[in-house]
Amino acid sequence: MPLHVAITGSTGLIGTAVTDALHQAGHSLTPIIRSSTPVRTNKRVIRWKILSGEIDRDKFEGHDVIIHLAGANIADQRWSKEYKREIQESRVKGTRLLCNAIVHMKRPPRLWLSASAVGYYGNIPLNEHRDETGPGADDFLARVCQEWEEATKPAQSAGIRVVNLRFGMVVSPNGGAIKKMLPVFKLGLGGKLGSGQQSVSWIALDEIPKIILHIIDNAKIAGPVNVVAPKPVTNAELTQLLGKALNRPAFLSVPEFAVKFMFGEMGQTLLLGNSNVIPAKLAHSGYQFAYPDIRKVLENCINHSPLAH
């Protein structure tokens, strides 16, 4: 049955893929956009201003599903004090504002999918892994993720099925880490970061809409869900496979101190931290991954990226 879906972050990397897939599945979508964003006059939208707490609350009525993907890009720049505040406010304040609108609807949605990240678990010891029952860590990104998810609790208390999507590294030729890595690796200057032993929990961009449709159709799935492929890779494996897909050497190494010097706290957390996370809830719900092999996903990235040619 076609659903009415409202979505934030619809023009982002993940949002674009999800929007396209939901349209193809026959669902109707309403973008939730900033008040200053121009749109065609005949296009239905919901407007909001996160910092001032304004939102078109009445326009939420009639929506079956809310998907919340908006937030400042954590890998866009070094984490200055000001940018850390933007990362935190764009996620936590936005989620609180959206939650307040949802819980006061006359007919609340049956499902709210709200983004989070595997950064929730922090730097996991090398000999350990985390599923959705794992504890949260105490670094900056982990605390943001915990506050982010905590902001959805009023909706859960109101009886709405809430799913916190803990995304791993999104693999796509159109954005994210791989797009940034391609030019360097194409020149044959790629290689591991630090020891290279740190795990990277990843997910193919094309897998995400399939997972979201699976969650929509499976009413038993609730709470945190690790949106990651079943087999993490080490940074050394990832860089070697990317070099091989490009037919370029990837034998260089960036020492840990250089990563910290170039990228600061962001580099320490995102590039050197160990993220060995498994998708236990998806596996237990019977989800079958379409893209479990990162080698094939990387080859697909190379074939579809102009940066690789």
C-alpha atoms as a PDB file:
ATOM      1  CA  MET A   1       0.000   0.000   0.000  1.00  0.00           C
ATOM      2  CA  PRO A   2       1.417   3.421  -0.919  1.00  0.00           C
ATOM      3  CA  LEU A   3       2.595   5.446   2.062  1.00  0.00           C
ATOM      4  CA  HIS A   4       2.879   9.179   2.676  1.00  0.00           C
ATOM      5  CA  VAL A   5       6.460   9.892   3.754  1.00  0.00           C
ATOM      6  CA  ALA A   6       7.991  13.154   5.022  1.00  0.00           C
ATOM      7  CA  ILE A   7      11.797  13.360   4.819  1.00  0.00           C
ATOM      8  CA  THR A   8      14.578  15.703   5.954  1.00  0.00           C
ATOM      9  CA  GLY A   9      17.925  15.757   4.144  1.00  0.00           C
ATOM     10  CA  SER A  10      16.243  14.684   0.899  1.00  0.00           C
ATOM     11  CA  THR A  11      18.893  16.340  -1.296  1.00  0.00           C
ATOM     12  CA  GLY A  12      21.895  14.814   0.492  1.00  0.00           C
ATOM     13  CA  LEU A  13      23.846  11.727  -0.565  1.00  0.00           C
ATOM     14  CA  ILE A  14      21.675   9.270   1.358  1.00  0.00           C
ATOM     15  CA  GLY A  15      18.478  11.304   1.028  1.00  0.00           C
ATOM     16  CA  THR A  16      18.638  11.398  -2.766  1.00  0.00           C
ATOM     17  CA  ALA A  17      19.037   7.614  -2.987  1.00  0.00           C
ATOM     18  CA  VAL A  18      16.216   7.014  -0.484  1.00  0.00           C
ATOM     19  CA  THR A  19      13.887   9.492  -2.184  1.00  0.00           C
ATOM     20  CA  ASP A  20      14.421   7.890  -5.597  1.00  0.00           C
ATOM     21  CA  ALA A  21      13.793   4.396  -4.216  1.00  0.00           C
ATOM     22  CA  LEU A  22      10.625   5.387  -2.357  1.00  0.00           C
ATOM     23  CA  HIS A  23       9.248   7.095  -5.457  1.00  0.00           C
ATOM     24  CA  GLN A  24       9.954   3.960  -7.496  1.00  0.00           C
ATOM     25  CA  ALA A  25       8.174   1.880  -4.851  1.00  0.00           C
ATOM     26  CA  GLY A  26       5.058   4.018  -5.321  1.00  0.00           C
ATOM     27  CA  HIS A  27       5.198   6.057  -2.127  1.00  0.00           C
ATOM     28  CA  SER A  28       4.532   9.826  -2.025  1.00  0.00           C
ATOM     29  CA  LEU A  29       7.178  12.079  -0.468  1.00  0.00           C
ATOM     30  CA  THR A  30       7.111  15.473   1.195  1.00  0.00           C
ATOM     31  CA  PRO A  31      10.539  17.107   1.665  1.00  0.00           C
ATOM     32  CA  ILE A  32      11.169  18.905   4.955  1.00  0.00           C
ATOM     33  CA  ILE A  33      13.372  21.848   3.952  1.00  0.00           C
ATOM     34  CA  ARG A  34      14.880  25.027   5.346  1.00  0.00           C
ATOM     35  CA  SER A  35      12.593  28.038   5.167  1.00  0.00           C
ATOM     36  CA  SER A  36      14.990  29.856   2.827  1.00  0.00           C
ATOM     37  CA  THR A  37      15.102  27.037   0.242  1.00  0.00           C
ATOM     38  CA  PRO A  38      13.283  27.971  -3.020  1.00  0.00           C
ATOM     39  CA  VAL A  39      10.881  25.389  -4.484  1.00  0.00           C
ATOM     40  CA  ARG A  40       8.450  25.153  -7.356  1.00  0.00           C
ATOM     41  CA  THR A  41       5.097  26.626  -6.336  1.00  0.00           C
ATOM     42  CA  ASN A  42       3.252  23.377  -7.043  1.00  0.00           C
ATOM     43  CA  LYS A  43       5.571  21.225  -4.927  1.00  0.00           C
ATOM     44  CA  ARG A  44       4.357  20.170  -1.491  1.00  0.00           C
ATOM     45  CA  VAL A  45       6.969  20.843   1.218  1.00  0.00           C
ATOM     46  CA  ILE A  46       7.241  21.277   4.979  1.00  0.00           C
ATOM     47  CA  ARG A  47       9.475  24.150   6.074  1.00  0.00           C
ATOM     48  CA  TRP A  48      11.523  24.450   9.249  1.00  0.00           C
ATOM     49  CA  LYS A  49      14.128  26.641  10.968  1.00  0.00           C
ATOM     50  CA  ILE A  50      16.149  24.518  13.365  1.00  0.00           C
ATOM     51  CA  LEU A  51      17.942  27.229  15.351  1.00  0.00           C
ATOM     52  CA  SER A  52      14.824  29.340  15.925  1.00  0.00           C
ATOM     53  CA  GLY A  53      12.608  26.289  16.526  1.00  0.00           C
ATOM     54  CA  GLU A  54      10.097  27.023  13.776  1.00  0.00           C
ATOM     55  CA  ILE A  55       8.315  24.291  11.816  1.00  0.00           C
ATOM     56  CA  ASP A  56       5.141  23.881   9.725  1.00  0.00           C
ATOM     57  CA  ARG A  57       3.604  21.568  12.310  1.00  0.00           C
ATOM     58  CA  ASP A  58       0.141  21.339  10.721  1.00  0.00           C
ATOM     59  CA  LYS A  59       1.587  19.995   7.465  1.00  0.00           C
ATOM     60  CA  PHE A  60       2.736  16.780   9.160  1.00  0.00           C
ATOM     61  CA  GLU A  61      -0.829  15.519   9.408  1.00  0.00           C
ATOM     62  CA  GLY A  62      -1.529  12.606   7.085  1.00  0.00           C
ATOM     63  CA  HIS A  63       2.026  11.242   6.928  1.00  0.00           C
ATOM     64  CA  ASP A  64       2.580   7.571   7.728  1.00  0.00           C
ATOM     65  CA  VAL A  65       6.374   7.616   7.952  1.00  0.00           C
ATOM     66  CA  ILE A  66       8.921  10.303   8.880  1.00  0.00           C
ATOM     67  CA  ILE A  67      12.557   9.897   7.761  1.00  0.00           C
ATOM     68  CA  HIS A  68      15.068  12.238   9.396  1.00  0.00           C
ATOM     69  CA  LEU A  69      18.481  12.370   7.682  1.00  0.00           C
ATOM     70  CA  ALA A  70      19.500  16.032   8.039  1.00  0.00           C
ATOM     71  CA  GLY A  71      22.674  17.126   9.827  1.00  0.00           C
ATOM     72  CA  ALA A  72      25.968  18.950   9.212  1.00  0.00           C
ATOM     73  CA  ASN A  73      28.595  16.757   7.490  1.00  0.00           C
ATOM     74  CA  ILE A  74      30.991  15.485  10.166  1.00  0.00           C
ATOM     75  CA  ALA A  75      33.848  15.006   7.676  1.00  0.00           C
ATOM     76  CA  ASP A  76      33.620  18.347   5.885  1.00  0.00           C
ATOM     77  CA  GLN A  77      36.330  20.104   7.895  1.00  0.00           C
ATOM     78  CA  ARG A  78      38.443  20.061  11.056  1.00  0.00           C
ATOM     79  CA  TRP A  79      36.380  20.052  14.226  1.00  0.00           C
ATOM     80  CA  SER A  80      36.825  23.582  15.504  1.00  0.00           C
ATOM     81  CA  LYS A  81      34.814  24.595  18.541  1.00  0.00           C
ATOM     82  CA  GLU A  82      32.352  26.378  16.263  1.00  0.00           C
ATOM     83  CA  TYR A  83      31.960  23.450  13.847  1.00  0.00           C
ATOM     84  CA  LYS A  84      31.486  20.977  16.691  1.00  0.00           C
ATOM     85  CA  ARG A  85      28.647  23.180  17.911  1.00  0.00           C
ATOM     86  CA  GLU A  86      27.133  23.134  14.413  1.00  0.00           C
ATOM     87  CA  ILE A  87      27.419  19.336  14.230  1.00  0.00           C
ATOM     88  CA  GLN A  88      25.732  18.964  17.611  1.00  0.00           C
ATOM     89  CA  GLU A  89      22.975  21.543  17.108  1.00  0.00           C
ATOM     90  CA  SER A  90      22.067  20.454  13.580  1.00  0.00           C
ATOM     91  CA  ARG A  91      21.424  16.947  14.884  1.00  0.00           C
ATOM     92  CA  VAL A  92      20.094  17.316  18.387  1.00  0.00           C
ATOM     93  CA  LYS A  93      18.081  20.533  18.020  1.00  0.00           C
ATOM     94  CA  GLY A  94      16.691  19.386  14.677  1.00  0.00           C
ATOM     95  CA  THR A  95      15.628  16.028  16.114  1.00  0.00           C
ATOM     96  CA  ARG A  96      13.992  17.640  19.151  1.00  0.00           C
ATOM     97  CA  LEU A  97      12.092  20.068  16.926  1.00  0.00           C
ATOM     98  CA  LEU A  98      10.909  17.265  14.669  1.00  0.00           C
ATOM     99  CA  CYS A  99       9.981  15.058  17.619  1.00  0.00           C
ATOM    100  CA  ASN A 100       7.900  17.828  19.178  1.00  0.00           C
ATOM    101  CA  ALA A 101       5.985  18.243  15.927  1.00  0.00           C
ATOM    102  CA  ILE A 102       5.389  14.501  15.565  1.00  0.00           C
ATOM    103  CA  VAL A 103       4.120  13.794  19.085  1.00  0.00           C
ATOM    104  CA  HIS A 104       1.543  16.601  18.822  1.00  0.00           C
ATOM    105  CA  MET A 105      -0.024  15.316  15.594  1.00  0.00           C
ATOM    106  CA  LYS A 106      -3.696  14.342  15.723  1.00  0.00           C
ATOM    107  CA  ARG A 107      -2.737  11.121  13.919  1.00  0.00           C
ATOM    108  CA  PRO A 108       0.950  10.447  14.585  1.00  0.00           C
ATOM    109  CA  PRO A 109       3.004   8.490  12.036  1.00  0.00           C
ATOM    110  CA  ARG A 110       3.348   4.757  12.484  1.00  0.00           C
ATOM    111  CA  LEU A 111       7.127   4.959  12.047  1.00  0.00           C
ATOM    112  CA  TRP A 112       9.949   7.465  12.532  1.00  0.00           C
ATOM    113  CA  LEU A 113      13.348   6.596  11.028  1.00  0.00           C
ATOM    114  CA  SER A 114      15.969   8.902  12.547  1.00  0.00           C
ATOM    115  CA  ALA A 115      19.622   8.956  11.500  1.00  0.00           C
ATOM    116  CA  SER A 116      22.470   8.224  13.886  1.00  0.00           C
ATOM    117  CA  ALA A 117      25.945   6.748  13.370  1.00  0.00           C
ATOM    118  CA  VAL A 118      28.251   3.938  14.475  1.00  0.00           C
ATOM    119  CA  GLY A 119      30.277   6.706  16.105  1.00  0.00           C
ATOM    120  CA  TYR A 120      27.936   5.945  19.019  1.00  0.00           C
ATOM    121  CA  TYR A 121      30.322   3.124  20.031  1.00  0.00           C
ATOM    122  CA  GLY A 122      33.503   5.206  19.846  1.00  0.00           C
ATOM    123  CA  ASN A 123      36.930   3.630  19.355  1.00  0.00           C
ATOM    124  CA  ILE A 124      36.287  -0.096  19.867  1.00  0.00           C
ATOM    125  CA  PRO A 125      39.192  -2.268  21.134  1.00  0.00           C
ATOM    126  CA  LEU A 126      40.808  -4.130  18.239  1.00  0.00           C
ATOM    127  CA  ASN A 127      39.826  -7.586  19.494  1.00  0.00           C
ATOM    128  CA  GLU A 128      36.162  -6.681  20.071  1.00  0.00           C
ATOM    129  CA  HIS A 129      33.046  -5.869  18.048  1.00  0.00           C
ATOM    130  CA  ARG A 130      29.758  -4.151  18.820  1.00  0.00           C
ATOM    131  CA  ASP A 131      26.154  -4.977  18.002  1.00  0.00           C
ATOM    132  CA  GLU A 132      23.160  -2.804  18.903  1.00  0.00           C
ATOM    133  CA  THR A 133      23.407  -3.789  22.593  1.00  0.00           C
ATOM    134  CA  GLY A 134      26.928  -2.313  22.877  1.00  0.00           C
ATOM    135  CA  PRO A 135      27.515   0.635  25.231  1.00  0.00           C
ATOM    136  CA  GLY A 136      28.021   4.189  24.062  1.00  0.00           C
ATOM    137  CA  ALA A 137      31.473   5.744  24.327  1.00  0.00           C
ATOM    138  CA  ASP A 138      32.502   9.104  25.806  1.00  0.00           C
ATOM    139  CA  ASP A 139      34.216  10.992  22.962  1.00  0.00           C
ATOM    140  CA  PHE A 140      32.669  13.966  21.159  1.00  0.00           C
ATOM    141  CA  LEU A 141      30.995  12.077  18.322  1.00  0.00           C
ATOM    142  CA  ALA A 142      29.714   9.327  20.641  1.00  0.00           C
ATOM    143  CA  ARG A 143      28.107  11.909  22.914  1.00  0.00           C
ATOM    144  CA  VAL A 144      26.482  13.629  19.926  1.00  0.00           C
ATOM    145  CA  CYS A 145      25.047  10.297  18.758  1.00  0.00           C
ATOM    146  CA  GLN A 146      23.712   9.550  22.237  1.00  0.00           C
ATOM    147  CA  GLU A 147      22.028  12.962  22.515  1.00  0.00           C
ATOM    148  CA  TRP A 148      20.746  12.550  18.942  1.00  0.00           C
ATOM    149  CA  GLU A 149      19.045   9.284  19.815  1.00  0.00           C
ATOM    150  CA  GLU A 150      17.881  10.513  23.209  1.00  0.00           C
ATOM    151  CA  ALA A 151      15.982  13.309  21.432  1.00  0.00           C
ATOM    152  CA  THR A 152      13.698  10.661  19.843  1.00  0.00           C
ATOM    153  CA  LYS A 153      12.613   9.206  23.209  1.00  0.00           C
ATOM    154  CA  PRO A 154       9.426  11.303  23.581  1.00  0.00           C
ATOM    155  CA  ALA A 155       8.155   9.804  20.318  1.00  0.00           C
ATOM    156  CA  GLN A 156       8.844   6.302  21.616  1.00  0.00           C
ATOM    157  CA  SER A 157       7.010   7.153  24.840  1.00  0.00           C
ATOM    158  CA  ALA A 158       4.057   8.339  22.730  1.00  0.00           C
ATOM    159  CA  GLY A 159       3.814   4.874  21.143  1.00  0.00           C
ATOM    160  CA  ILE A 160       5.472   5.675  17.804  1.00  0.00           C
ATOM    161  CA  ARG A 161       7.806   3.017  16.399  1.00  0.00           C
ATOM    162  CA  VAL A 162      11.198   4.737  16.313  1.00  0.00           C
ATOM    163  CA  VAL A 163      14.259   3.320  14.541  1.00  0.00           C
ATOM    164  CA  ASN A 164      17.667   4.948  15.073  1.00  0.00           C
ATOM    165  CA  LEU A 165      19.717   4.271  11.927  1.00  0.00           C
ATOM    166  CA  ARG A 166      23.349   3.938  13.005  1.00  0.00           C
ATOM    167  CA  PHE A 167      25.112   4.420   9.668  1.00  0.00           C
ATOM    168  CA  GLY A 168      28.616   3.196   8.954  1.00  0.00           C
ATOM    169  CA  MET A 169      30.870   4.725   6.296  1.00  0.00           C
ATOM    170  CA  VAL A 170      28.744   5.149   3.167  1.00  0.00           C
ATOM    171  CA  VAL A 171      30.501   3.828   0.062  1.00  0.00           C
ATOM    172  CA  SER A 172      29.543   5.697  -3.098  1.00  0.00           C
ATOM    173  CA  PRO A 173      31.281   7.301  -6.090  1.00  0.00           C
ATOM    174  CA  ASN A 174      29.042  10.356  -5.652  1.00  0.00           C
ATOM    175  CA  GLY A 175      30.113  11.482  -2.211  1.00  0.00           C
ATOM    176  CA  GLY A 176      31.530  10.543   1.169  1.00  0.00           C
ATOM    177  CA  ALA A 177      34.983   9.165   1.931  1.00  0.00           C
ATOM    178  CA  ILE A 178      35.515   7.225  -1.298  1.00  0.00           C
ATOM    179  CA  LYS A 179      34.916  10.270  -3.505  1.00  0.00           C
ATOM    180  CA  LYS A 180      37.532  12.171  -1.483  1.00  0.00           C
ATOM    181  CA  MET A 181      40.012   9.300  -1.697  1.00  0.00           C
ATOM    182  CA  LEU A 182      39.742   8.656  -5.450  1.00  0.00           C
ATOM    183  CA  PRO A 183      41.910  11.550  -6.769  1.00  0.00           C
ATOM    184  CA  VAL A 184      44.816  10.669  -4.439  1.00  0.00           C
ATOM    185  CA  PHE A 185      44.610   6.950  -5.184  1.00  0.00           C
ATOM    186  CA  LYS A 186      44.354   7.570  -8.927  1.00  0.00           C
ATOM    187  CA  LEU A 187      47.743   9.287  -8.722  1.00  0.00           C
ATOM    188  CA  GLY A 188      49.186   6.199  -7.027  1.00  0.00           C
ATOM    189  CA  LEU A 189      49.652   8.112  -3.764  1.00  0.00           C
ATOM    190  CA  GLY A 190      47.159   6.170  -1.677  1.00  0.00           C
ATOM    191  CA  GLY A 191      47.852   3.931   1.275  1.00  0.00           C
ATOM    192  CA  LYS A 192      46.907   2.973   4.786  1.00  0.00           C
ATOM    193  CA  LEU A 193      46.392   5.429   7.638  1.00  0.00           C
ATOM    194  CA  GLY A 194      48.313   4.824  10.840  1.00  0.00           C
ATOM    195  CA  SER A 195      48.734   1.099  11.526  1.00  0.00           C
ATOM    196  CA  GLY A 196      45.984   0.260   9.038  1.00  0.00           C
ATOM    197  CA  GLN A 197      44.621  -2.316  11.504  1.00  0.00           C
ATOM    198  CA  GLN A 198      41.604  -0.222  12.510  1.00  0.00           C
ATOM    199  CA  SER A 199      38.321  -1.659  11.243  1.00  0.00           C
ATOM    200  CA  VAL A 200      35.974   0.286   9.008  1.00  0.00           C
ATOM    201  CA  SER A 201      32.274  -0.542   9.193  1.00  0.00           C
ATOM    202  CA  TRP A 202      30.814   0.385   5.819  1.00  0.00           C
ATOM    203  CA  ILE A 203      27.591   0.250   3.825  1.00  0.00           C
ATOM    204  CA  ALA A 204      27.009   0.585   0.082  1.00  0.00           C
ATOM    205  CA  LEU A 205      24.844   3.595  -0.735  1.00  0.00           C
ATOM    206  CA  ASP A 206      22.575   1.422  -2.893  1.00  0.00           C
ATOM    207  CA  GLU A 207      21.965  -0.869   0.099  1.00  0.00           C
ATOM    208  CA  ILE A 208      20.477   1.873   2.281  1.00  0.00           C
ATOM    209  CA  PRO A 209      17.124   2.307   0.476  1.00  0.00           C
ATOM    210  CA  LYS A 210      16.666  -1.484   0.526  1.00  0.00           C
ATOM    211  CA  ILE A 211      17.263  -1.536   4.276  1.00  0.00           C
ATOM    212  CA  ILE A 212      14.828   1.322   4.837  1.00  0.00           C
ATOM    213  CA  LEU A 213      12.119  -0.411   2.799  1.00  0.00           C
ATOM    214  CA  HIS A 214      12.794  -3.604   4.790  1.00  0.00           C
ATOM    215  CA  ILE A 215      12.395  -1.721   8.079  1.00  0.00           C
ATOM    216  CA  ILE A 216       9.173  -0.068   6.892  1.00  0.00           C
ATOM    217  CA  ASP A 217       7.736  -3.492   6.068  1.00  0.00           C
ATOM    218  CA  ASN A 218       8.936  -5.188   9.280  1.00  0.00           C
ATOM    219  CA  ALA A 219       7.013  -3.819  12.260  1.00  0.00           C
ATOM    220  CA  LYS A 220       9.121  -5.795  14.754  1.00  0.00           C
ATOM    221  CA  ILE A 221      12.244  -3.720  14.082  1.00  0.00           C
ATOM    222  CA  ALA A 222      12.605  -0.830  16.538  1.00  0.00           C
ATOM    223  CA  GLY A 223      15.287   1.058  18.425  1.00  0.00           C
ATOM    224  CA  PRO A 224      18.911   1.252  17.237  1.00  0.00           C
ATOM    225  CA  VAL A 225      19.806  -0.558  14.012  1.00  0.00           C
ATOM    226  CA  ASN A 226      23.390  -0.815  12.750  1.00  0.00           C
ATOM    227  CA  VAL A 227      23.232   0.088   9.054  1.00  0.00           C
ATOM    228  CA  VAL A 228      26.483  -1.618   8.083  1.00  0.00           C
ATOM    229  CA  ALA A 229      27.534  -4.513   5.875  1.00  0.00           C
ATOM    230  CA  PRO A 230      28.120  -7.841   7.665  1.00  0.00           C
ATOM    231  CA  LYS A 231      31.904  -7.829   7.160  1.00  0.00           C
ATOM    232  CA  PRO A 232      33.932  -4.787   8.249  1.00  0.00           C
ATOM    233  CA  VAL A 233      37.328  -4.316   6.610  1.00  0.00           C
ATOM    234  CA  THR A 234      40.557  -2.968   8.008  1.00  0.00           C
ATOM    235  CA  ASN A 235      41.851   0.344   6.722  1.00  0.00           C
ATOM    236  CA  ALA A 236      44.787  -1.530   5.150  1.00  0.00           C
ATOM    237  CA  GLU A 237      42.398  -3.883   3.317  1.00  0.00           C
ATOM    238  CA  LEU A 238      40.214  -1.000   2.165  1.00  0.00           C
ATOM    239  CA  THR A 239      43.143   0.956   0.727  1.00  0.00           C
ATOM    240  CA  GLN A 240      44.639  -2.093  -0.971  1.00  0.00           C
ATOM    241  CA  LEU A 241      41.298  -3.001  -2.557  1.00  0.00           C
ATOM    242  CA  LEU A 242      40.737   0.570  -3.729  1.00  0.00           C
ATOM    243  CA  GLY A 243      44.195   0.673  -5.301  1.00  0.00           C
ATOM    244  CA  LYS A 244      43.594  -2.666  -6.989  1.00  0.00           C
ATOM    245  CA  ALA A 245      40.216  -1.516  -8.357  1.00  0.00           C
ATOM    246  CA  LEU A 246      41.976   1.529  -9.854  1.00  0.00           C
ATOM    247  CA  ASN A 247      44.945  -0.552 -11.016  1.00  0.00           C
ATOM    248  CA  ARG A 248      47.218   1.740  -9.025  1.00  0.00           C
ATOM    249  CA  PRO A 249      49.755   1.043  -6.260  1.00  0.00           C
ATOM    250  CA  ALA A 250      48.608   1.772  -2.706  1.00  0.00           C
ATOM    251  CA  PHE A 251      51.783   1.116  -0.750  1.00  0.00           C
ATOM    252  CA  LEU A 252      52.251   4.509   0.884  1.00  0.00           C
ATOM    253  CA  SER A 253      51.467   5.004   4.544  1.00  0.00           C
ATOM    254  CA  VAL A 254      50.389   8.095   6.465  1.00  0.00           C
ATOM    255  CA  PRO A 255      51.748   7.933  10.039  1.00  0.00           C
ATOM    256  CA  GLU A 256      49.323   8.401  12.909  1.00  0.00           C
ATOM    257  CA  PHE A 257      50.950  11.662  14.007  1.00  0.00           C
ATOM    258  CA  ALA A 258      50.509  13.093  10.488  1.00  0.00           C
ATOM    259  CA  VAL A 259      46.800  12.214  10.440  1.00  0.00           C
ATOM    260  CA  LYS A 260      46.364  13.942  13.801  1.00  0.00           C
ATOM    261  CA  PHE A 261      48.347  16.970  12.606  1.00  0.00           C
ATOM    262  CA  MET A 262      46.361  17.328   9.357  1.00  0.00           C
ATOM    263  CA  PHE A 263      42.871  16.569  10.644  1.00  0.00           C
ATOM    264  CA  GLY A 264      42.966  17.024  14.411  1.00  0.00           C
ATOM    265  CA  GLU A 265      40.237  15.419  16.514  1.00  0.00           C
ATOM    266  CA  MET A 266      38.195  14.594  13.412  1.00  0.00           C
ATOM    267  CA  GLY A 267      41.066  12.522  12.007  1.00  0.00           C
ATOM    268  CA  GLN A 268      41.666  10.786  15.330  1.00  0.00           C
ATOM    269  CA  THR A 269      38.002   9.756  15.560  1.00  0.00           C
ATOM    270  CA  LEU A 270      37.006   9.049  11.960  1.00  0.00           C
ATOM    271  CA  LEU A 271      40.262   7.895  10.363  1.00  0.00           C
ATOM    272  CA  LEU A 272      42.188   6.186  13.155  1.00  0.00           C
ATOM    273  CA  GLY A 273      39.364   4.918  15.364  1.00  0.00           C
ATOM    274  CA  ASN A 274      38.426   1.224  15.266  1.00  0.00           C
ATOM    275  CA  SER A 275      34.814   0.671  14.206  1.00  0.00           C
ATOM    276  CA  ASN A 276      34.120  -3.072  14.232  1.00  0.00           C
ATOM    277  CA  VAL A 277      30.310  -3.066  14.155  1.00  0.00           C
ATOM    278  CA  ILE A 278      27.931  -5.826  13.062  1.00  0.00           C
ATOM    279  CA  PRO A 279      24.307  -5.566  11.824  1.00  0.00           C
ATOM    280  CA  ALA A 280      22.778  -7.995  14.326  1.00  0.00           C
ATOM    281  CA  LYS A 281      19.201  -6.682  14.157  1.00  0.00           C
ATOM    282  CA  LEU A 282      19.098  -6.734  10.370  1.00  0.00           C
ATOM    283  CA  ALA A 283      20.490 -10.273  10.336  1.00  0.00           C
ATOM    284  CA  HIS A 284      17.973 -11.478  12.925  1.00  0.00           C
ATOM    285  CA  SER A 285      15.099  -9.902  10.967  1.00  0.00           C
ATOM    286  CA  GLY A 286      16.029 -11.943   7.892  1.00  0.00           C
ATOM    287  CA  TYR A 287      17.475  -9.119   5.810  1.00  0.00           C
ATOM    288  CA  GLN A 288      19.605 -10.368   2.911  1.00  0.00           C
ATOM    289  CA  PHE A 289      22.379  -7.978   1.915  1.00  0.00           C
ATOM    290  CA  ALA A 290      22.547  -7.143  -1.785  1.00  0.00           C
ATOM    291  CA  TYR A 291      26.081  -5.699  -1.455  1.00  0.00           C
ATOM    292  CA  PRO A 292      28.036  -7.667   1.194  1.00  0.00           C
ATOM    293  CA  ASP A 293      31.351  -7.614  -0.717  1.00  0.00           C
ATOM    294  CA  ILE A 294      33.250  -4.334  -0.546  1.00  0.00           C
ATOM    295  CA  ARG A 295      35.558  -5.391  -3.370  1.00  0.00           C
ATOM    296  CA  LYS A 296      32.643  -5.474  -5.816  1.00  0.00           C
ATOM    297  CA  VAL A 297      31.211  -2.250  -4.376  1.00  0.00           C
ATOM    298  CA  LEU A 298      34.541  -0.459  -4.897  1.00  0.00           C
ATOM    299  CA  GLU A 299      34.793  -1.769  -8.455  1.00  0.00           C
ATOM    300  CA  ASN A 300      31.306  -0.412  -9.081  1.00  0.00           C
ATOM    301  CA  CYS A 301      32.385   2.957  -7.634  1.00  0.00           C
ATOM    302  CA  ILE A 302      35.343   3.065 -10.025  1.00  0.00           C
ATOM    303  CA  ASN A 303      33.169   2.213 -13.028  1.00  0.00           C
ATOM    304  CA  HIS A 304      30.669   4.970 -12.232  1.00  0.00           C
ATOM    305  CA  SER A 305      32.921   7.808 -11.084  1.00  0.00           C
ATOM    306  CA  PRO A 306      34.376  10.363 -13.525  1.00  0.00           C
ATOM    307  CA  LEU A 307      37.136  10.977 -10.928  1.00  0.00           C
ATOM    308  CA  ALA A 308      38.487   7.491 -11.618  1.00  0.00           C
ATOM    309  CA  HIS A 309      38.889   7.935 -15.395  1.00  0.00           C
END
